[in-house]
C-alpha atoms as a PDB file:
ATOM      1  CA  UNK A   1     -26.708 -13.861   9.173  1.00  0.00           C
ATOM      2  CA  UNK A   2     -24.832 -11.906  10.602  1.00  0.00           C
ATOM      3  CA  UNK A   3     -24.184  -7.823  10.132  1.00  0.00           C
ATOM      4  CA  UNK A   4     -20.430  -8.583   9.715  1.00  0.00           C
ATOM      5  CA  UNK A   5     -21.284  -9.722   6.446  1.00  0.00           C
ATOM      6  CA  UNK A   6     -23.318  -6.659   4.777  1.00  0.00           C
ATOM      7  CA  UNK A   7     -20.358  -5.310   2.767  1.00  0.00           C
ATOM      8  CA  UNK A   8     -19.916  -9.042   1.903  1.00  0.00           C
ATOM      9  CA  UNK A   9     -23.096  -9.490   0.704  1.00  0.00           C
ATOM     10  CA  UNK A  10     -23.778  -5.807  -0.791  1.00  0.00           C
ATOM     11  CA  UNK A  11     -20.413  -6.051  -3.163  1.00  0.00           C
ATOM     12  CA  UNK A  12     -21.688  -9.861  -3.917  1.00  0.00           C
ATOM     13  CA  UNK A  13     -24.858  -8.768  -5.464  1.00  0.00           C
ATOM     14  CA  UNK A  14     -23.700  -4.786  -7.030  1.00  0.00           C
ATOM     15  CA  UNK A  15     -20.913  -6.332  -8.877  1.00  0.00           C
ATOM     16  CA  UNK A  16     -22.917  -9.507 -10.038  1.00  0.00           C
ATOM     17  CA  UNK A  17     -25.796  -7.527 -11.019  1.00  0.00           C
ATOM     18  CA  UNK A  18     -23.471  -4.484 -12.648  1.00  0.00           C
ATOM     19  CA  UNK A  19     -21.194  -7.089 -14.532  1.00  0.00           C
ATOM     20  CA  UNK A  20     -24.192  -8.815 -15.800  1.00  0.00           C
ATOM     21  CA  UNK A  21     -25.566  -5.619 -17.715  1.00  0.00           C
ATOM     22  CA  UNK A  22     -22.118  -4.744 -18.860  1.00  0.00           C
ATOM     23  CA  UNK A  23     -21.334  -7.967 -19.967  1.00  0.00           C
ATOM     24  CA  UNK A  24     -24.193  -8.173 -21.798  1.00  0.00           C
ATOM     25  CA  UNK A  25     -24.044  -5.037 -23.465  1.00  0.00           C
ATOM     26  CA  UNK A  26     -20.460  -5.338 -24.464  1.00  0.00           C
ATOM     27  CA  UNK A  27     -21.141  -9.129 -25.438  1.00  0.00           C
ATOM     28  CA  UNK A  28     -23.930  -7.381 -28.394  1.00  0.00           C
ATOM     29  CA  UNK A  29     -22.550  -4.869 -29.344  1.00  0.00           C
ATOM     30  CA  UNK A  30     -19.188  -7.220 -30.169  1.00  0.00           C
ATOM     31  CA  UNK A  31     -21.523  -8.220 -32.903  1.00  0.00           C
ATOM     32  CA  UNK A  32     -21.881 -11.894 -31.101  1.00  0.00           C
ATOM     33  CA  UNK A  33     -25.045 -12.846 -32.743  1.00  0.00           C
ATOM     34  CA  UNK A  34     -24.475 -17.032 -33.029  1.00  0.00           C
ATOM     35  CA  UNK A  35     -24.398 -18.914 -29.152  1.00  0.00           C
ATOM     36  CA  UNK A  36     -24.963 -14.489 -27.836  1.00  0.00           C
ATOM     37  CA  UNK A  37     -26.040 -16.559 -23.799  1.00  0.00           C
ATOM     38  CA  UNK A  38     -24.115 -19.042 -24.235  1.00  0.00           C
ATOM     39  CA  UNK A  39     -20.620 -16.499 -25.148  1.00  0.00           C
ATOM     40  CA  UNK A  40     -22.528 -13.891 -22.626  1.00  0.00           C
ATOM     41  CA  UNK A  41     -23.636 -16.586 -19.603  1.00  0.00           C
ATOM     42  CA  UNK A  42     -20.602 -19.595 -19.897  1.00  0.00           C
ATOM     43  CA  UNK A  43     -17.523 -16.416 -20.499  1.00  0.00           C
ATOM     44  CA  UNK A  44     -18.111 -13.224 -20.044  1.00  0.00           C
ATOM     45  CA  UNK A  45     -20.371 -12.565 -17.293  1.00  0.00           C
ATOM     46  CA  UNK A  46     -18.411 -14.864 -15.466  1.00  0.00           C
ATOM     47  CA  UNK A  47     -14.690 -12.814 -16.038  1.00  0.00           C
ATOM     48  CA  UNK A  48     -16.306  -9.447 -15.560  1.00  0.00           C
ATOM     49  CA  UNK A  49     -18.106 -10.402 -11.709  1.00  0.00           C
ATOM     50  CA  UNK A  50     -15.031 -12.328 -11.121  1.00  0.00           C
ATOM     51  CA  UNK A  51     -13.042  -9.294 -11.890  1.00  0.00           C
ATOM     52  CA  UNK A  52     -16.096  -6.853  -9.937  1.00  0.00           C
ATOM     53  CA  UNK A  53     -16.469  -8.577  -6.853  1.00  0.00           C
ATOM     54  CA  UNK A  54     -12.969  -7.898  -4.958  1.00  0.00           C
ATOM     55  CA  UNK A  55     -12.374  -4.452  -6.945  1.00  0.00           C
ATOM     56  CA  UNK A  56     -15.898  -3.502  -5.243  1.00  0.00           C
ATOM     57  CA  UNK A  57     -14.735  -4.797  -2.057  1.00  0.00           C
ATOM     58  CA  UNK A  58     -11.542  -2.407  -2.369  1.00  0.00           C
ATOM     59  CA  UNK A  59     -13.529   0.349  -4.423  1.00  0.00           C
ATOM     60  CA  UNK A  60     -16.780   0.383  -1.723  1.00  0.00           C
ATOM     61  CA  UNK A  61     -14.730   1.659   1.810  1.00  0.00           C
ATOM     62  CA  UNK A  62     -12.755   4.412  -0.668  1.00  0.00           C
ATOM     63  CA  UNK A  63     -16.631   5.439  -2.063  1.00  0.00           C
ATOM     64  CA  UNK A  64     -18.492   5.536   1.228  1.00  0.00           C
ATOM     65  CA  UNK A  65     -15.373   7.613   2.325  1.00  0.00           C
ATOM     66  CA  UNK A  66     -15.246  10.360  -0.803  1.00  0.00           C
ATOM     67  CA  UNK A  67     -19.295  10.644  -0.106  1.00  0.00           C
ATOM     68  CA  UNK A  68     -19.221  11.818   3.450  1.00  0.00           C
ATOM     69  CA  UNK A  69     -16.586  14.253   3.056  1.00  0.00           C
ATOM     70  CA  UNK A  70     -18.698  15.463  -0.089  1.00  0.00           C
ATOM     71  CA  UNK A  71     -22.307  15.222   2.087  1.00  0.00           C
ATOM     72  CA  UNK A  72     -23.042  16.328   5.090  1.00  0.00           C
ATOM     73  CA  UNK A  73     -25.861  15.343   7.781  1.00  0.00           C
ATOM     74  CA  UNK A  74     -29.570  17.239   7.329  1.00  0.00           C
ATOM     75  CA  UNK A  75     -29.392  19.893  10.311  1.00  0.00           C
END
């Protein structure tokens, strides 16, 4: 795989993992007991991931610049 794709693959993995965890906790906290896994994996997670991935693609470059601005390399 080309290194040019690294930001997209990184964003895909991070957004998938985070949206899975957050949507699972949110679905559980909302009181969905009957059919929890079905609701979580077919409704909540895909919706969350569909929002998280493009958001991360837009936000990650800004976050990298902010991190670079508040940190400095070791001497």
